[in-house]
Amino acid sequence: MSADPAEIPRSAEPIDLAEIEHLALLSRLELSEGEKTGFLGDLNRMIGYFQQLQELDTEGVPEMQRPVALVNVMREDVPGEMFTQAQVLELAPESQDGFIRVPRTVEQ
């Protein structure tokens, strides 16, 4: 689903220090003055880049979800060494009548 470029809001003004402080407050971040200034420059550069991208003519360019195809790489499911029941019960913190005993998780 593609948005009409005319409908995409464009930021007429760059982000200012007050907006950085508001975002920090909402994010529960304590930023030093140097960090605020750094974020201010970084965010304004990113927004400028996005504004440049909005000006590109993308007519006829097919939409895509990812730039590369996703492919699952699966290994063969080969069984490895198996433990005996006695070995498993020996490793368990608690056992009873040949079973691993665990805390109750459901009320009766």
PDB file of N, CA and C in Angstrom:
ATOM      1  N   MET A   1       0.868  -1.160   0.000  1.00  0.00           N
ATOM      2  CA  MET A   1       0.000   0.000   0.000  1.00  0.00           C
ATOM      3  C   MET A   1       0.911   1.218   0.000  1.00  0.00           C
ATOM      4  N   SER A   2       0.769   2.062  -0.988  1.00  0.00           N
ATOM      5  CA  SER A   2       1.652   3.224  -1.066  1.00  0.00           C
ATOM      6  C   SER A   2       0.850   4.490  -0.817  1.00  0.00           C
ATOM      7  N   ALA A   3       1.483   5.426  -0.151  1.00  0.00           N
ATOM      8  CA  ALA A   3       0.825   6.692   0.162  1.00  0.00           C
ATOM      9  C   ALA A   3       1.102   7.685  -0.960  1.00  0.00           C
ATOM     10  N   ASP A   4       0.130   8.515  -1.218  1.00  0.00           N
ATOM     11  CA  ASP A   4       0.301   9.577  -2.198  1.00  0.00           C
ATOM     12  C   ASP A   4       1.281  10.588  -1.610  1.00  0.00           C
ATOM     13  N   PRO A   5       2.376  10.934  -2.343  1.00  0.00           N
ATOM     14  CA  PRO A   5       3.355  11.870  -1.800  1.00  0.00           C
ATOM     15  C   PRO A   5       2.743  13.187  -1.343  1.00  0.00           C
ATOM     16  N   ALA A   6       1.637  13.590  -1.954  1.00  0.00           N
ATOM     17  CA  ALA A   6       0.999  14.842  -1.543  1.00  0.00           C
ATOM     18  C   ALA A   6       0.385  14.713  -0.150  1.00  0.00           C
ATOM     19  N   GLU A   7       0.067  13.459   0.252  1.00  0.00           N
ATOM     20  CA  GLU A   7      -0.553  13.237   1.555  1.00  0.00           C
ATOM     21  C   GLU A   7       0.469  13.097   2.674  1.00  0.00           C
ATOM     22  N   ILE A   8       1.734  12.880   2.325  1.00  0.00           N
ATOM     23  CA  ILE A   8       2.763  12.698   3.340  1.00  0.00           C
ATOM     24  C   ILE A   8       3.113  14.054   3.925  1.00  0.00           C
ATOM     25  N   PRO A   9       2.947  14.212   5.252  1.00  0.00           N
ATOM     26  CA  PRO A   9       3.250  15.514   5.845  1.00  0.00           C
ATOM     27  C   PRO A   9       4.739  15.809   5.752  1.00  0.00           C
ATOM     28  N   ARG A  10       5.073  17.020   5.393  1.00  0.00           N
ATOM     29  CA  ARG A  10       6.455  17.449   5.316  1.00  0.00           C
ATOM     30  C   ARG A  10       6.727  18.413   6.451  1.00  0.00           C
ATOM     31  N   SER A  11       7.844  18.229   7.079  1.00  0.00           N
ATOM     32  CA  SER A  11       8.219  19.097   8.185  1.00  0.00           C
ATOM     33  C   SER A  11       8.756  20.397   7.612  1.00  0.00           C
ATOM     34  N   ALA A  12       8.043  21.493   7.824  1.00  0.00           N
ATOM     35  CA  ALA A  12       8.469  22.786   7.308  1.00  0.00           C
ATOM     36  C   ALA A  12       9.631  23.329   8.117  1.00  0.00           C
ATOM     37  N   GLU A  13       9.676  22.962   9.391  1.00  0.00           N
ATOM     38  CA  GLU A  13      10.719  23.475  10.276  1.00  0.00           C
ATOM     39  C   GLU A  13      11.520  22.306  10.822  1.00  0.00           C
ATOM     40  N   PRO A  14      12.808  22.524  11.045  1.00  0.00           N
ATOM     41  CA  PRO A  14      13.594  21.455  11.657  1.00  0.00           C
ATOM     42  C   PRO A  14      13.181  21.253  13.117  1.00  0.00           C
ATOM     43  N   ILE A  15      13.551  20.117  13.652  1.00  0.00           N
ATOM     44  CA  ILE A  15      13.285  19.832  15.056  1.00  0.00           C
ATOM     45  C   ILE A  15      14.108  20.787  15.902  1.00  0.00           C
ATOM     46  N   ASP A  16      13.515  21.285  16.988  1.00  0.00           N
ATOM     47  CA  ASP A  16      14.269  22.197  17.851  1.00  0.00           C
ATOM     48  C   ASP A  16      14.571  21.518  19.193  1.00  0.00           C
ATOM     49  N   LEU A  17      15.314  22.200  20.011  1.00  0.00           N
ATOM     50  CA  LEU A  17      15.756  21.650  21.289  1.00  0.00           C
ATOM     51  C   LEU A  17      14.575  21.322  22.209  1.00  0.00           C
ATOM     52  N   ALA A  18      13.506  22.110  22.139  1.00  0.00           N
ATOM     53  CA  ALA A  18      12.326  21.849  22.972  1.00  0.00           C
ATOM     54  C   ALA A  18      11.700  20.501  22.609  1.00  0.00           C
ATOM     55  N   GLU A  19      11.680  20.164  21.315  1.00  0.00           N
ATOM     56  CA  GLU A  19      11.118  18.872  20.904  1.00  0.00           C
ATOM     57  C   GLU A  19      12.005  17.716  21.364  1.00  0.00           C
ATOM     58  N   ILE A  20      13.325  17.908  21.309  1.00  0.00           N
ATOM     59  CA  ILE A  20      14.242  16.888  21.798  1.00  0.00           C
ATOM     60  C   ILE A  20      14.000  16.652  23.286  1.00  0.00           C
ATOM     61  N   GLU A  21      13.839  17.725  24.050  1.00  0.00           N
ATOM     62  CA  GLU A  21      13.591  17.601  25.488  1.00  0.00           C
ATOM     63  C   GLU A  21      12.252  16.915  25.749  1.00  0.00           C
ATOM     64  N   HIS A  22      11.237  17.215  24.940  1.00  0.00           N
ATOM     65  CA  HIS A  22       9.930  16.574  25.080  1.00  0.00           C
ATOM     66  C   HIS A  22      10.040  15.075  24.785  1.00  0.00           C
ATOM     67  N   LEU A  23      10.752  14.702  23.712  1.00  0.00           N
ATOM     68  CA  LEU A  23      10.938  13.292  23.375  1.00  0.00           C
ATOM     69  C   LEU A  23      11.716  12.569  24.472  1.00  0.00           C
ATOM     70  N   ALA A  24      12.722  13.237  25.041  1.00  0.00           N
ATOM     71  CA  ALA A  24      13.496  12.636  26.129  1.00  0.00           C
ATOM     72  C   ALA A  24      12.604  12.395  27.344  1.00  0.00           C
ATOM     73  N   LEU A  25      11.734  13.338  27.638  1.00  0.00           N
ATOM     74  CA  LEU A  25      10.807  13.198  28.765  1.00  0.00           C
ATOM     75  C   LEU A  25       9.861  12.015  28.539  1.00  0.00           C
ATOM     76  N   LEU A  26       9.293  11.918  27.334  1.00  0.00           N
ATOM     77  CA  LEU A  26       8.384  10.820  27.024  1.00  0.00           C
ATOM     78  C   LEU A  26       9.092   9.470  27.078  1.00  0.00           C
ATOM     79  N   SER A  27      10.373   9.456  26.704  1.00  0.00           N
ATOM     80  CA  SER A  27      11.157   8.224  26.681  1.00  0.00           C
ATOM     81  C   SER A  27      11.800   7.919  28.019  1.00  0.00           C
ATOM     82  N   ARG A  28      11.607   8.804  28.982  1.00  0.00           N
ATOM     83  CA  ARG A  28      12.217   8.666  30.308  1.00  0.00           C
ATOM     84  C   ARG A  28      13.739   8.599  30.200  1.00  0.00           C
ATOM     85  N   LEU A  29      14.313   9.458  29.352  1.00  0.00           N
ATOM     86  CA  LEU A  29      15.761   9.536  29.176  1.00  0.00           C
ATOM     87  C   LEU A  29      16.290  10.801  29.826  1.00  0.00           C
ATOM     88  N   GLU A  30      17.412  10.685  30.480  1.00  0.00           N
ATOM     89  CA  GLU A  30      18.080  11.862  31.019  1.00  0.00           C
ATOM     90  C   GLU A  30      19.260  12.152  30.099  1.00  0.00           C
ATOM     91  N   LEU A  31      19.163  13.227  29.335  1.00  0.00           N
ATOM     92  CA  LEU A  31      20.196  13.567  28.364  1.00  0.00           C
ATOM     93  C   LEU A  31      20.981  14.778  28.825  1.00  0.00           C
ATOM     94  N   SER A  32      22.282  14.730  28.582  1.00  0.00           N
ATOM     95  CA  SER A  32      23.106  15.908  28.870  1.00  0.00           C
ATOM     96  C   SER A  32      22.884  16.923  27.749  1.00  0.00           C
ATOM     97  N   GLU A  33      23.352  18.135  27.953  1.00  0.00           N
ATOM     98  CA  GLU A  33      23.203  19.163  26.917  1.00  0.00           C
ATOM     99  C   GLU A  33      23.917  18.737  25.634  1.00  0.00           C
ATOM    100  N   GLY A  34      25.075  18.107  25.779  1.00  0.00           N
ATOM    101  CA  GLY A  34      25.816  17.629  24.610  1.00  0.00           C
ATOM    102  C   GLY A  34      25.050  16.566  23.842  1.00  0.00           C
ATOM    103  N   GLU A  35      24.394  15.647  24.583  1.00  0.00           N
ATOM    104  CA  GLU A  35      23.601  14.605  23.923  1.00  0.00           C
ATOM    105  C   GLU A  35      22.398  15.212  23.213  1.00  0.00           C
ATOM    106  N   LYS A  36      21.748  16.180  23.847  1.00  0.00           N
ATOM    107  CA  LYS A  36      20.599  16.834  23.214  1.00  0.00           C
ATOM    108  C   LYS A  36      21.019  17.503  21.913  1.00  0.00           C
ATOM    109  N   THR A  37      22.136  18.216  21.949  1.00  0.00           N
ATOM    110  CA  THR A  37      22.629  18.889  20.748  1.00  0.00           C
ATOM    111  C   THR A  37      22.980  17.873  19.669  1.00  0.00           C
ATOM    112  N   GLY A  38      23.600  16.766  20.079  1.00  0.00           N
ATOM    113  CA  GLY A  38      23.939  15.712  19.119  1.00  0.00           C
ATOM    114  C   GLY A  38      22.710  15.107  18.469  1.00  0.00           C
ATOM    115  N   PHE A  39      21.700  14.782  19.304  1.00  0.00           N
ATOM    116  CA  PHE A  39      20.468  14.226  18.759  1.00  0.00           C
ATOM    117  C   PHE A  39      19.758  15.226  17.852  1.00  0.00           C
ATOM    118  N   LEU A  40      19.820  16.486  18.212  1.00  0.00           N
ATOM    119  CA  LEU A  40      19.181  17.529  17.410  1.00  0.00           C
ATOM    120  C   LEU A  40      19.753  17.519  15.997  1.00  0.00           C
ATOM    121  N   GLY A  41      21.070  17.502  15.898  1.00  0.00           N
ATOM    122  CA  GLY A  41      21.700  17.473  14.574  1.00  0.00           C
ATOM    123  C   GLY A  41      21.404  16.184  13.831  1.00  0.00           C
ATOM    124  N   ASP A  42      21.512  15.044  14.530  1.00  0.00           N
ATOM    125  CA  ASP A  42      21.271  13.751  13.894  1.00  0.00           C
ATOM    126  C   ASP A  42      19.847  13.651  13.344  1.00  0.00           C
ATOM    127  N   LEU A  43      18.863  14.021  14.175  1.00  0.00           N
ATOM    128  CA  LEU A  43      17.463  13.908  13.741  1.00  0.00           C
ATOM    129  C   LEU A  43      17.157  14.847  12.577  1.00  0.00           C
ATOM    130  N   ASN A  44      17.685  16.047  12.618  1.00  0.00           N
ATOM    131  CA  ASN A  44      17.430  16.982  11.520  1.00  0.00           C
ATOM    132  C   ASN A  44      18.073  16.493  10.226  1.00  0.00           C
ATOM    133  N   ARG A  45      19.251  15.846  10.317  1.00  0.00           N
ATOM    134  CA  ARG A  45      19.872  15.281   9.112  1.00  0.00           C
ATOM    135  C   ARG A  45      19.036  14.125   8.568  1.00  0.00           C
ATOM    136  N   MET A  46      18.512  13.279   9.472  1.00  0.00           N
ATOM    137  CA  MET A  46      17.683  12.156   9.017  1.00  0.00           C
ATOM    138  C   MET A  46      16.407  12.653   8.349  1.00  0.00           C
ATOM    139  N   ILE A  47      15.765  13.625   8.959  1.00  0.00           N
ATOM    140  CA  ILE A  47      14.530  14.162   8.383  1.00  0.00           C
ATOM    141  C   ILE A  47      14.817  14.796   7.023  1.00  0.00           C
ATOM    142  N   GLY A  48      15.931  15.500   6.921  1.00  0.00           N
ATOM    143  CA  GLY A  48      16.309  16.080   5.629  1.00  0.00           C
ATOM    144  C   GLY A  48      16.509  15.002   4.581  1.00  0.00           C
ATOM    145  N   TYR A  49      17.100  13.894   4.967  1.00  0.00           N
ATOM    146  CA  TYR A  49      17.301  12.797   4.025  1.00  0.00           C
ATOM    147  C   TYR A  49      15.954  12.220   3.591  1.00  0.00           C
ATOM    148  N   PHE A  50      15.035  12.029   4.533  1.00  0.00           N
ATOM    149  CA  PHE A  50      13.711  11.512   4.173  1.00  0.00           C
ATOM    150  C   PHE A  50      12.968  12.484   3.254  1.00  0.00           C
ATOM    151  N   GLN A  51      13.135  13.775   3.481  1.00  0.00           N
ATOM    152  CA  GLN A  51      12.505  14.755   2.597  1.00  0.00           C
ATOM    153  C   GLN A  51      13.090  14.659   1.189  1.00  0.00           C
ATOM    154  N   GLN A  52      14.385  14.395   1.099  1.00  0.00           N
ATOM    155  CA  GLN A  52      14.993  14.199  -0.224  1.00  0.00           C
ATOM    156  C   GLN A  52      14.391  12.973  -0.895  1.00  0.00           C
ATOM    157  N   LEU A  53      14.213  11.897  -0.137  1.00  0.00           N
ATOM    158  CA  LEU A  53      13.662  10.672  -0.703  1.00  0.00           C
ATOM    159  C   LEU A  53      12.227  10.875  -1.179  1.00  0.00           C
ATOM    160  N   GLN A  54      11.453  11.712  -0.466  1.00  0.00           N
ATOM    161  CA  GLN A  54      10.073  11.963  -0.864  1.00  0.00           C
ATOM    162  C   GLN A  54       9.996  12.670  -2.210  1.00  0.00           C
ATOM    163  N   GLU A  55      11.039  13.366  -2.586  1.00  0.00           N
ATOM    164  CA  GLU A  55      11.036  14.100  -3.850  1.00  0.00           C
ATOM    165  C   GLU A  55      11.360  13.213  -5.045  1.00  0.00           C
ATOM    166  N   LEU A  56      11.803  11.983  -4.811  1.00  0.00           N
ATOM    167  CA  LEU A  56      12.151  11.082  -5.902  1.00  0.00           C
ATOM    168  C   LEU A  56      10.912  10.609  -6.647  1.00  0.00           C
ATOM    169  N   ASP A  57      11.049  10.431  -7.960  1.00  0.00           N
ATOM    170  CA  ASP A  57       9.967   9.896  -8.773  1.00  0.00           C
ATOM    171  C   ASP A  57      10.027   8.378  -8.691  1.00  0.00           C
ATOM    172  N   THR A  58       9.067   7.779  -8.017  1.00  0.00           N
ATOM    173  CA  THR A  58       9.037   6.329  -7.856  1.00  0.00           C
ATOM    174  C   THR A  58       7.945   5.688  -8.694  1.00  0.00           C
ATOM    175  N   GLU A  59       7.423   6.417  -9.634  1.00  0.00           N
ATOM    176  CA  GLU A  59       6.388   5.885 -10.528  1.00  0.00           C
ATOM    177  C   GLU A  59       6.968   4.706 -11.300  1.00  0.00           C
ATOM    178  N   GLY A  60       6.268   3.585 -11.268  1.00  0.00           N
ATOM    179  CA  GLY A  60       6.712   2.405 -11.999  1.00  0.00           C
ATOM    180  C   GLY A  60       7.686   1.527 -11.221  1.00  0.00           C
ATOM    181  N   VAL A  61       8.075   1.943 -10.027  1.00  0.00           N
ATOM    182  CA  VAL A  61       8.978   1.127  -9.212  1.00  0.00           C
ATOM    183  C   VAL A  61       8.110   0.209  -8.357  1.00  0.00           C
ATOM    184  N   PRO A  62       8.284  -1.104  -8.480  1.00  0.00           N
ATOM    185  CA  PRO A  62       7.430  -2.014  -7.700  1.00  0.00           C
ATOM    186  C   PRO A  62       7.725  -1.895  -6.203  1.00  0.00           C
ATOM    187  N   GLU A  63       6.663  -2.024  -5.418  1.00  0.00           N
ATOM    188  CA  GLU A  63       6.812  -1.987  -3.963  1.00  0.00           C
ATOM    189  C   GLU A  63       7.468  -3.271  -3.500  1.00  0.00           C
ATOM    190  N   MET A  64       8.224  -3.179  -2.419  1.00  0.00           N
ATOM    191  CA  MET A  64       8.798  -4.384  -1.843  1.00  0.00           C
ATOM    192  C   MET A  64       8.811  -4.258  -0.334  1.00  0.00           C
ATOM    193  N   GLN A  65       8.718  -5.404   0.298  1.00  0.00           N
ATOM    194  CA  GLN A  65       8.709  -5.421   1.749  1.00  0.00           C
ATOM    195  C   GLN A  65      10.122  -5.421   2.304  1.00  0.00           C
ATOM    196  N   ARG A  66      11.033  -6.123   1.603  1.00  0.00           N
ATOM    197  CA  ARG A  66      12.430  -6.213   2.027  1.00  0.00           C
ATOM    198  C   ARG A  66      13.324  -6.110   0.794  1.00  0.00           C
ATOM    199  N   PRO A  67      14.531  -5.597   0.964  1.00  0.00           N
ATOM    200  CA  PRO A  67      15.418  -5.490  -0.193  1.00  0.00           C
ATOM    201  C   PRO A  67      16.017  -6.823  -0.630  1.00  0.00           C
ATOM    202  N   VAL A  68      15.954  -7.841   0.221  1.00  0.00           N
ATOM    203  CA  VAL A  68      16.457  -9.165  -0.144  1.00  0.00           C
ATOM    204  C   VAL A  68      15.410 -10.202   0.215  1.00  0.00           C
ATOM    205  N   ALA A  69      15.424 -11.309  -0.512  1.00  0.00           N
ATOM    206  CA  ALA A  69      14.458 -12.372  -0.246  1.00  0.00           C
ATOM    207  C   ALA A  69      14.841 -13.097   1.036  1.00  0.00           C
ATOM    208  N   LEU A  70      13.832 -13.470   1.821  1.00  0.00           N
ATOM    209  CA  LEU A  70      14.080 -14.233   3.037  1.00  0.00           C
ATOM    210  C   LEU A  70      14.061 -15.715   2.697  1.00  0.00           C
ATOM    211  N   VAL A  71      15.097 -16.411   3.120  1.00  0.00           N
ATOM    212  CA  VAL A  71      15.187 -17.841   2.875  1.00  0.00           C
ATOM    213  C   VAL A  71      15.599 -18.504   4.179  1.00  0.00           C
ATOM    214  N   ASN A  72      14.834 -19.498   4.591  1.00  0.00           N
ATOM    215  CA  ASN A  72      15.200 -20.249   5.792  1.00  0.00           C
ATOM    216  C   ASN A  72      16.308 -21.226   5.446  1.00  0.00           C
ATOM    217  N   VAL A  73      17.360 -21.209   6.204  1.00  0.00           N
ATOM    218  CA  VAL A  73      18.440 -22.170   6.039  1.00  0.00           C
ATOM    219  C   VAL A  73      18.287 -23.180   7.158  1.00  0.00           C
ATOM    220  N   MET A  74      17.910 -24.379   6.774  1.00  0.00           N
ATOM    221  CA  MET A  74      17.630 -25.406   7.768  1.00  0.00           C
ATOM    222  C   MET A  74      18.672 -26.505   7.662  1.00  0.00           C
ATOM    223  N   ARG A  75      19.074 -27.009   8.791  1.00  0.00           N
ATOM    224  CA  ARG A  75      19.988 -28.147   8.793  1.00  0.00           C
ATOM    225  C   ARG A  75      19.168 -29.426   8.930  1.00  0.00           C
ATOM    226  N   GLU A  76      19.781 -30.515   8.598  1.00  0.00           N
ATOM    227  CA  GLU A  76      19.114 -31.800   8.765  1.00  0.00           C
ATOM    228  C   GLU A  76      18.860 -32.040  10.250  1.00  0.00           C
ATOM    229  N   ASP A  77      17.733 -32.621  10.561  1.00  0.00           N
ATOM    230  CA  ASP A  77      17.387 -32.938  11.937  1.00  0.00           C
ATOM    231  C   ASP A  77      17.949 -34.325  12.245  1.00  0.00           C
ATOM    232  N   VAL A  78      19.176 -34.334  12.740  1.00  0.00           N
ATOM    233  CA  VAL A  78      19.857 -35.596  13.024  1.00  0.00           C
ATOM    234  C   VAL A  78      19.912 -35.784  14.529  1.00  0.00           C
ATOM    235  N   PRO A  79      19.362 -36.901  15.025  1.00  0.00           N
ATOM    236  CA  PRO A  79      19.400 -37.109  16.472  1.00  0.00           C
ATOM    237  C   PRO A  79      20.840 -37.279  16.956  1.00  0.00           C
ATOM    238  N   GLY A  80      21.115 -36.711  18.099  1.00  0.00           N
ATOM    239  CA  GLY A  80      22.443 -36.834  18.693  1.00  0.00           C
ATOM    240  C   GLY A  80      22.432 -37.868  19.792  1.00  0.00           C
ATOM    241  N   GLU A  81      23.410 -37.775  20.669  1.00  0.00           N
ATOM    242  CA  GLU A  81      23.507 -38.703  21.777  1.00  0.00           C
ATOM    243  C   GLU A  81      22.296 -38.522  22.692  1.00  0.00           C
ATOM    244  N   MET A  82      21.733 -39.631  23.128  1.00  0.00           N
ATOM    245  CA  MET A  82      20.560 -39.569  23.994  1.00  0.00           C
ATOM    246  C   MET A  82      20.950 -39.950  25.411  1.00  0.00           C
ATOM    247  N   PHE A  83      20.317 -39.311  26.374  1.00  0.00           N
ATOM    248  CA  PHE A  83      20.533 -39.640  27.776  1.00  0.00           C
ATOM    249  C   PHE A  83      19.605 -40.781  28.169  1.00  0.00           C
ATOM    250  N   THR A  84      20.058 -41.593  29.082  1.00  0.00           N
ATOM    251  CA  THR A  84      19.183 -42.628  29.633  1.00  0.00           C
ATOM    252  C   THR A  84      18.266 -41.973  30.657  1.00  0.00           C
ATOM    253  N   GLN A  85      17.208 -42.678  31.016  1.00  0.00           N
ATOM    254  CA  GLN A  85      16.282 -42.144  32.011  1.00  0.00           C
ATOM    255  C   GLN A  85      17.015 -41.895  33.326  1.00  0.00           C
ATOM    256  N   ALA A  86      17.897 -42.790  33.684  1.00  0.00           N
ATOM    257  CA  ALA A  86      18.644 -42.639  34.934  1.00  0.00           C
ATOM    258  C   ALA A  86      19.512 -41.377  34.916  1.00  0.00           C
ATOM    259  N   GLN A  87      20.158 -41.090  33.757  1.00  0.00           N
ATOM    260  CA  GLN A  87      20.994 -39.890  33.656  1.00  0.00           C
ATOM    261  C   GLN A  87      20.149 -38.621  33.794  1.00  0.00           C
ATOM    262  N   VAL A  88      18.984 -38.624  33.162  1.00  0.00           N
ATOM    263  CA  VAL A  88      18.103 -37.450  33.222  1.00  0.00           C
ATOM    264  C   VAL A  88      17.615 -37.231  34.647  1.00  0.00           C
ATOM    265  N   LEU A  89      17.196 -38.306  35.300  1.00  0.00           N
ATOM    266  CA  LEU A  89      16.706 -38.182  36.671  1.00  0.00           C
ATOM    267  C   LEU A  89      17.821 -37.744  37.616  1.00  0.00           C
ATOM    268  N   GLU A  90      19.045 -38.146  37.320  1.00  0.00           N
ATOM    269  CA  GLU A  90      20.182 -37.730  38.136  1.00  0.00           C
ATOM    270  C   GLU A  90      20.436 -36.224  37.997  1.00  0.00           C
ATOM    271  N   LEU A  91      20.167 -35.654  36.809  1.00  0.00           N
ATOM    272  CA  LEU A  91      20.372 -34.225  36.573  1.00  0.00           C
ATOM    273  C   LEU A  91      19.222 -33.371  37.105  1.00  0.00           C
ATOM    274  N   ALA A  92      18.054 -33.977  37.286  1.00  0.00           N
ATOM    275  CA  ALA A  92      16.875 -33.225  37.734  1.00  0.00           C
ATOM    276  C   ALA A  92      17.023 -32.812  39.191  1.00  0.00           C
ATOM    277  N   PRO A  93      16.525 -31.615  39.534  1.00  0.00           N
ATOM    278  CA  PRO A  93      16.609 -31.184  40.921  1.00  0.00           C
ATOM    279  C   PRO A  93      15.792 -32.072  41.868  1.00  0.00           C
ATOM    280  N   GLU A  94      14.705 -32.643  41.330  1.00  0.00           N
ATOM    281  CA  GLU A  94      13.856 -33.492  42.171  1.00  0.00           C
ATOM    282  C   GLU A  94      13.144 -34.501  41.278  1.00  0.00           C
ATOM    283  N   SER A  95      13.039 -35.742  41.727  1.00  0.00           N
ATOM    284  CA  SER A  95      12.322 -36.760  40.946  1.00  0.00           C
ATOM    285  C   SER A  95      11.491 -37.615  41.878  1.00  0.00           C
ATOM    286  N   GLN A  96      10.514 -38.333  41.271  1.00  0.00           N
ATOM    287  CA  GLN A  96       9.628 -39.188  42.058  1.00  0.00           C
ATOM    288  C   GLN A  96       9.096 -40.281  41.147  1.00  0.00           C
ATOM    289  N   ASP A  97       9.243 -41.530  41.543  1.00  0.00           N
ATOM    290  CA  ASP A  97       8.720 -42.694  40.814  1.00  0.00           C
ATOM    291  C   ASP A  97       9.150 -42.696  39.345  1.00  0.00           C
ATOM    292  N   GLY A  98      10.395 -42.304  39.038  1.00  0.00           N
ATOM    293  CA  GLY A  98      10.907 -42.350  37.668  1.00  0.00           C
ATOM    294  C   GLY A  98      10.542 -41.139  36.816  1.00  0.00           C
ATOM    295  N   PHE A  99       9.971 -40.119  37.431  1.00  0.00           N
ATOM    296  CA  PHE A  99       9.594 -38.903  36.699  1.00  0.00           C
ATOM    297  C   PHE A  99      10.276 -37.693  37.330  1.00  0.00           C
ATOM    298  N   ILE A 100      10.439 -36.639  36.523  1.00  0.00           N
ATOM    299  CA  ILE A 100      10.969 -35.382  37.064  1.00  0.00           C
ATOM    300  C   ILE A 100       9.841 -34.664  37.772  1.00  0.00           C
ATOM    301  N   ARG A 101      10.091 -34.280  39.004  1.00  0.00           N
ATOM    302  CA  ARG A 101       9.067 -33.579  39.787  1.00  0.00           C
ATOM    303  C   ARG A 101       9.254 -32.071  39.612  1.00  0.00           C
ATOM    304  N   VAL A 102       8.172 -31.393  39.263  1.00  0.00           N
ATOM    305  CA  VAL A 102       8.213 -29.933  39.057  1.00  0.00           C
ATOM    306  C   VAL A 102       7.167 -29.276  39.943  1.00  0.00           C
ATOM    307  N   PRO A 103       7.314 -27.983  40.231  1.00  0.00           N
ATOM    308  CA  PRO A 103       6.297 -27.295  41.046  1.00  0.00           C
ATOM    309  C   PRO A 103       4.942 -27.247  40.335  1.00  0.00           C
ATOM    310  N   ARG A 104       3.890 -27.290  41.123  1.00  0.00           N
ATOM    311  CA  ARG A 104       2.543 -27.184  40.571  1.00  0.00           C
ATOM    312  C   ARG A 104       2.357 -25.802  39.949  1.00  0.00           C
ATOM    313  N   THR A 105       1.803 -25.764  38.756  1.00  0.00           N
ATOM    314  CA  THR A 105       1.558 -24.472  38.086  1.00  0.00           C
ATOM    315  C   THR A 105       0.083 -24.179  37.905  1.00  0.00           C
ATOM    316  N   VAL A 106      -0.760 -25.171  38.126  1.00  0.00           N
ATOM    317  CA  VAL A 106      -2.209 -24.992  37.952  1.00  0.00           C
ATOM    318  C   VAL A 106      -2.893 -25.361  39.259  1.00  0.00           C
ATOM    319  N   GLU A 107      -3.765 -24.484  39.700  1.00  0.00           N
ATOM    320  CA  GLU A 107      -4.526 -24.762  40.914  1.00  0.00           C
ATOM    321  C   GLU A 107      -5.597 -25.803  40.622  1.00  0.00           C
ATOM    322  N   GLN A 108      -5.927 -26.620  41.623  1.00  0.00           N
ATOM    323  CA  GLN A 108      -6.979 -27.632  41.426  1.00  0.00           C
ATOM    324  C   GLN A 108      -8.337 -27.030  41.612  1.00  0.00           C
TER     325      GLN A 108
END
